[in-house]
Amino acid sequence: LVAAHSSDTAIMISQLALLLIGGASALQLSNVRRPAQSVHRLRGGAPVAAQPGVAIVVDAEIVPDRVDEFIKVIEADAKGSRGEPGCLRFDVLRASDTRFFFYEAYVDAAAVDTHKAQPHFKLWSDFKASGGCTSVSVKAVPLGEWGFQ
């Protein structure tokens, strides 16, 4: 007896059981219906496999005469992000007068998607779209098992 968590899984298990009972060939097994798998994408469009968490590092160079505006925008984004249930961390570091790094950590790729749908994230997106940055680099990586505490 097998307990299934979705109708796709139940169909797949029952098809496989029927084929195995009847002595299925490799061709028949290859035709077993498999459940659809979704692909999560991070900021920048990189696909992410199932994993315990996601870290994002942003390197942003800000237009010099817009730094004060940027600081207000990123403060609102950071404070709002820290209130999201899936956000583990949101740090903003200032490397120079115009260069900033953000370090963000989320429980999973779905939490990143939720983050991108928030009004405080839109403030940052709108700032970038308006030409407030001279350059932005985004890297997303798995948190790993021991490196994030």
C-alpha atoms as a PDB file:
ATOM      1  CA  LEU A   1       0.000   0.000   0.000  1.00  0.00           C
ATOM      2  CA  VAL A   2       1.457   3.383  -1.058  1.00  0.00           C
ATOM      3  CA  ALA A   3       0.165   6.780   0.082  1.00  0.00           C
ATOM      4  CA  ALA A   4       0.479   9.457  -2.612  1.00  0.00           C
ATOM      5  CA  HIS A   5       0.547  13.204  -2.028  1.00  0.00           C
ATOM      6  CA  SER A   6      -0.827  14.331  -5.378  1.00  0.00           C
ATOM      7  CA  SER A   7      -3.077  12.999  -8.099  1.00  0.00           C
ATOM      8  CA  ASP A   8      -0.129  12.962 -10.570  1.00  0.00           C
ATOM      9  CA  THR A   9       1.904  10.855  -8.155  1.00  0.00           C
ATOM     10  CA  ALA A  10      -1.029   8.491  -7.551  1.00  0.00           C
ATOM     11  CA  ILE A  11      -1.517   8.011 -11.315  1.00  0.00           C
ATOM     12  CA  MET A  12       2.197   7.400 -11.828  1.00  0.00           C
ATOM     13  CA  ILE A  13       2.326   4.827  -8.990  1.00  0.00           C
ATOM     14  CA  SER A  14      -0.760   2.987 -10.215  1.00  0.00           C
ATOM     15  CA  GLN A  15       0.549   2.901 -13.824  1.00  0.00           C
ATOM     16  CA  LEU A  16       3.907   1.610 -12.644  1.00  0.00           C
ATOM     17  CA  ALA A  17       2.289  -1.047 -10.411  1.00  0.00           C
ATOM     18  CA  LEU A  18       0.132  -2.319 -13.288  1.00  0.00           C
ATOM     19  CA  LEU A  19       3.121  -2.506 -15.616  1.00  0.00           C
ATOM     20  CA  LEU A  20       5.314  -4.296 -13.084  1.00  0.00           C
ATOM     21  CA  ILE A  21       2.601  -6.840 -12.201  1.00  0.00           C
ATOM     22  CA  GLY A  22       2.145  -7.625 -15.886  1.00  0.00           C
ATOM     23  CA  GLY A  23       5.905  -7.902 -16.613  1.00  0.00           C
ATOM     24  CA  ALA A  24       6.475  -4.521 -18.257  1.00  0.00           C
ATOM     25  CA  SER A  25       9.081  -3.917 -20.930  1.00  0.00           C
ATOM     26  CA  ALA A  26      11.505  -0.975 -20.889  1.00  0.00           C
ATOM     27  CA  LEU A  27       9.403   0.719 -23.606  1.00  0.00           C
ATOM     28  CA  GLN A  28       6.269   0.467 -21.490  1.00  0.00           C
ATOM     29  CA  LEU A  29       8.090   1.860 -18.443  1.00  0.00           C
ATOM     30  CA  SER A  30       9.313   4.837 -20.465  1.00  0.00           C
ATOM     31  CA  ASN A  31       5.691   5.734 -21.226  1.00  0.00           C
ATOM     32  CA  VAL A  32       4.664   6.019 -17.549  1.00  0.00           C
ATOM     33  CA  ARG A  33       3.258   9.478 -16.902  1.00  0.00           C
ATOM     34  CA  ARG A  34       5.493  11.559 -14.654  1.00  0.00           C
ATOM     35  CA  PRO A  35       4.378  14.520 -12.525  1.00  0.00           C
ATOM     36  CA  ALA A  36       5.205  17.950 -13.920  1.00  0.00           C
ATOM     37  CA  GLN A  37       8.153  19.693 -12.299  1.00  0.00           C
ATOM     38  CA  SER A  38       8.351  23.446 -11.968  1.00  0.00           C
ATOM     39  CA  VAL A  39      11.594  25.351 -12.417  1.00  0.00           C
ATOM     40  CA  HIS A  40      12.219  28.214 -10.015  1.00  0.00           C
ATOM     41  CA  ARG A  41      14.250  31.120 -11.330  1.00  0.00           C
ATOM     42  CA  LEU A  42      16.208  33.647  -9.337  1.00  0.00           C
ATOM     43  CA  ARG A  43      16.837  37.305  -9.929  1.00  0.00           C
ATOM     44  CA  GLY A  44      18.666  37.421 -13.240  1.00  0.00           C
ATOM     45  CA  GLY A  45      16.790  34.363 -14.512  1.00  0.00           C
ATOM     46  CA  ALA A  46      19.162  31.630 -13.288  1.00  0.00           C
ATOM     47  CA  PRO A  47      17.354  28.314 -12.654  1.00  0.00           C
ATOM     48  CA  VAL A  48      17.624  26.850  -9.162  1.00  0.00           C
ATOM     49  CA  ALA A  49      17.338  23.177  -8.224  1.00  0.00           C
ATOM     50  CA  ALA A  50      15.542  22.167  -5.047  1.00  0.00           C
ATOM     51  CA  GLN A  51      17.765  23.220  -2.161  1.00  0.00           C
ATOM     52  CA  PRO A  52      17.525  24.351   1.444  1.00  0.00           C
ATOM     53  CA  GLY A  53      18.105  28.042   0.756  1.00  0.00           C
ATOM     54  CA  VAL A  54      19.304  30.723  -1.627  1.00  0.00           C
ATOM     55  CA  ALA A  55      21.888  33.461  -1.113  1.00  0.00           C
ATOM     56  CA  ILE A  56      21.986  36.502  -3.375  1.00  0.00           C
ATOM     57  CA  VAL A  57      24.866  38.974  -3.600  1.00  0.00           C
ATOM     58  CA  VAL A  58      24.246  42.256  -5.402  1.00  0.00           C
ATOM     59  CA  ASP A  59      27.048  44.660  -6.337  1.00  0.00           C
ATOM     60  CA  ALA A  60      25.559  48.047  -7.250  1.00  0.00           C
ATOM     61  CA  GLU A  61      27.317  51.184  -8.420  1.00  0.00           C
ATOM     62  CA  ILE A  62      25.029  54.194  -7.924  1.00  0.00           C
ATOM     63  CA  VAL A  63      24.952  57.414  -9.969  1.00  0.00           C
ATOM     64  CA  PRO A  64      26.788  59.908  -7.710  1.00  0.00           C
ATOM     65  CA  ASP A  65      24.053  62.553  -7.560  1.00  0.00           C
ATOM     66  CA  ARG A  66      21.396  59.894  -6.712  1.00  0.00           C
ATOM     67  CA  VAL A  67      23.081  58.266  -3.707  1.00  0.00           C
ATOM     68  CA  ASP A  68      20.817  59.995  -1.143  1.00  0.00           C
ATOM     69  CA  GLU A  69      17.730  58.793  -3.049  1.00  0.00           C
ATOM     70  CA  PHE A  70      19.201  55.291  -3.283  1.00  0.00           C
ATOM     71  CA  ILE A  71      19.843  55.112   0.462  1.00  0.00           C
ATOM     72  CA  LYS A  72      16.171  55.863   1.162  1.00  0.00           C
ATOM     73  CA  VAL A  73      15.081  53.234  -1.391  1.00  0.00           C
ATOM     74  CA  ILE A  74      17.419  50.500  -0.151  1.00  0.00           C
ATOM     75  CA  GLU A  75      16.586  51.198   3.495  1.00  0.00           C
ATOM     76  CA  ALA A  76      12.882  50.670   2.722  1.00  0.00           C
ATOM     77  CA  ASP A  77      13.697  47.528   0.718  1.00  0.00           C
ATOM     78  CA  ALA A  78      15.951  46.096   3.434  1.00  0.00           C
ATOM     79  CA  LYS A  79      13.504  46.778   6.277  1.00  0.00           C
ATOM     80  CA  GLY A  80      10.557  45.420   4.280  1.00  0.00           C
ATOM     81  CA  SER A  81      12.528  42.347   3.201  1.00  0.00           C
ATOM     82  CA  ARG A  82      13.536  41.531   6.767  1.00  0.00           C
ATOM     83  CA  GLY A  83       9.831  41.288   7.608  1.00  0.00           C
ATOM     84  CA  GLU A  84       9.148  38.637   4.958  1.00  0.00           C
ATOM     85  CA  PRO A  85       8.670  35.134   6.419  1.00  0.00           C
ATOM     86  CA  GLY A  86      11.037  33.587   3.846  1.00  0.00           C
ATOM     87  CA  CYS A  87      13.841  36.139   4.247  1.00  0.00           C
ATOM     88  CA  LEU A  88      16.614  34.939   6.552  1.00  0.00           C
ATOM     89  CA  ARG A  89      18.862  37.969   6.118  1.00  0.00           C
ATOM     90  CA  PHE A  90      19.128  41.230   4.152  1.00  0.00           C
ATOM     91  CA  ASP A  91      22.334  43.207   4.682  1.00  0.00           C
ATOM     92  CA  VAL A  92      23.482  46.347   2.875  1.00  0.00           C
ATOM     93  CA  LEU A  93      27.185  47.214   2.917  1.00  0.00           C
ATOM     94  CA  ARG A  94      28.722  50.435   1.670  1.00  0.00           C
ATOM     95  CA  ALA A  95      32.083  49.885  -0.063  1.00  0.00           C
ATOM     96  CA  SER A  96      32.620  53.493  -1.236  1.00  0.00           C
ATOM     97  CA  ASP A  97      30.662  56.694  -1.744  1.00  0.00           C
ATOM     98  CA  THR A  98      28.772  55.125  -4.651  1.00  0.00           C
ATOM     99  CA  ARG A  99      29.313  51.344  -4.425  1.00  0.00           C
ATOM    100  CA  PHE A 100      27.067  49.091  -2.323  1.00  0.00           C
ATOM    101  CA  PHE A 101      26.770  45.359  -1.755  1.00  0.00           C
ATOM    102  CA  PHE A 102      23.586  43.596  -0.641  1.00  0.00           C
ATOM    103  CA  TYR A 103      23.698  40.145   0.899  1.00  0.00           C
ATOM    104  CA  GLU A 104      20.303  38.440   0.943  1.00  0.00           C
ATOM    105  CA  ALA A 105      19.404  34.949   2.171  1.00  0.00           C
ATOM    106  CA  TYR A 106      16.073  33.189   1.642  1.00  0.00           C
ATOM    107  CA  VAL A 107      14.654  29.841   2.774  1.00  0.00           C
ATOM    108  CA  ASP A 108      14.075  28.729  -0.837  1.00  0.00           C
ATOM    109  CA  ALA A 109      13.524  29.945  -4.402  1.00  0.00           C
ATOM    110  CA  ALA A 110       9.791  30.436  -3.730  1.00  0.00           C
ATOM    111  CA  ALA A 111      10.713  32.955  -1.006  1.00  0.00           C
ATOM    112  CA  VAL A 112      12.800  34.835  -3.601  1.00  0.00           C
ATOM    113  CA  ASP A 113       9.748  34.924  -5.895  1.00  0.00           C
ATOM    114  CA  THR A 114       7.625  36.242  -3.019  1.00  0.00           C
ATOM    115  CA  HIS A 115      10.273  38.883  -2.296  1.00  0.00           C
ATOM    116  CA  LYS A 116      10.216  40.087  -5.914  1.00  0.00           C
ATOM    117  CA  ALA A 117       6.440  40.610  -5.699  1.00  0.00           C
ATOM    118  CA  GLN A 118       6.635  42.977  -2.697  1.00  0.00           C
ATOM    119  CA  PRO A 119       6.151  46.767  -2.899  1.00  0.00           C
ATOM    120  CA  HIS A 120       9.519  47.426  -1.219  1.00  0.00           C
ATOM    121  CA  PHE A 121      11.282  45.397  -3.939  1.00  0.00           C
ATOM    122  CA  LYS A 122       9.471  47.488  -6.573  1.00  0.00           C
ATOM    123  CA  LEU A 123      11.117  50.620  -5.113  1.00  0.00           C
ATOM    124  CA  TRP A 124      14.524  49.107  -5.928  1.00  0.00           C
ATOM    125  CA  SER A 125      13.399  47.882  -9.359  1.00  0.00           C
ATOM    126  CA  ASP A 126      11.995  51.298 -10.229  1.00  0.00           C
ATOM    127  CA  PHE A 127      15.191  53.007  -9.034  1.00  0.00           C
ATOM    128  CA  LYS A 128      17.289  50.781 -11.317  1.00  0.00           C
ATOM    129  CA  ALA A 129      14.905  51.263 -14.260  1.00  0.00           C
ATOM    130  CA  SER A 130      15.082  55.040 -13.856  1.00  0.00           C
ATOM    131  CA  GLY A 131      18.856  55.003 -14.460  1.00  0.00           C
ATOM    132  CA  GLY A 132      19.905  55.285 -10.810  1.00  0.00           C
ATOM    133  CA  CYS A 133      22.681  52.698 -11.206  1.00  0.00           C
ATOM    134  CA  THR A 134      25.725  52.802 -13.433  1.00  0.00           C
ATOM    135  CA  SER A 135      26.148  49.033 -12.988  1.00  0.00           C
ATOM    136  CA  VAL A 136      24.509  46.145 -11.134  1.00  0.00           C
ATOM    137  CA  SER A 137      25.816  42.595 -10.812  1.00  0.00           C
ATOM    138  CA  VAL A 138      23.689  39.838  -9.239  1.00  0.00           C
ATOM    139  CA  LYS A 139      24.909  36.394  -8.196  1.00  0.00           C
ATOM    140  CA  ALA A 140      22.678  33.712  -6.678  1.00  0.00           C
ATOM    141  CA  VAL A 141      24.005  30.549  -5.046  1.00  0.00           C
ATOM    142  CA  PRO A 142      22.708  27.788  -2.743  1.00  0.00           C
ATOM    143  CA  LEU A 143      23.211  28.465   0.973  1.00  0.00           C
ATOM    144  CA  GLY A 144      24.741  25.033   1.508  1.00  0.00           C
ATOM    145  CA  GLU A 145      24.562  22.851   4.581  1.00  0.00           C
ATOM    146  CA  TRP A 146      27.241  24.345   6.875  1.00  0.00           C
ATOM    147  CA  GLY A 147      28.249  27.765   5.470  1.00  0.00           C
ATOM    148  CA  PHE A 148      25.148  29.634   6.591  1.00  0.00           C
ATOM    149  CA  GLN A 149      24.305  29.651  10.297  1.00  0.00           C
END
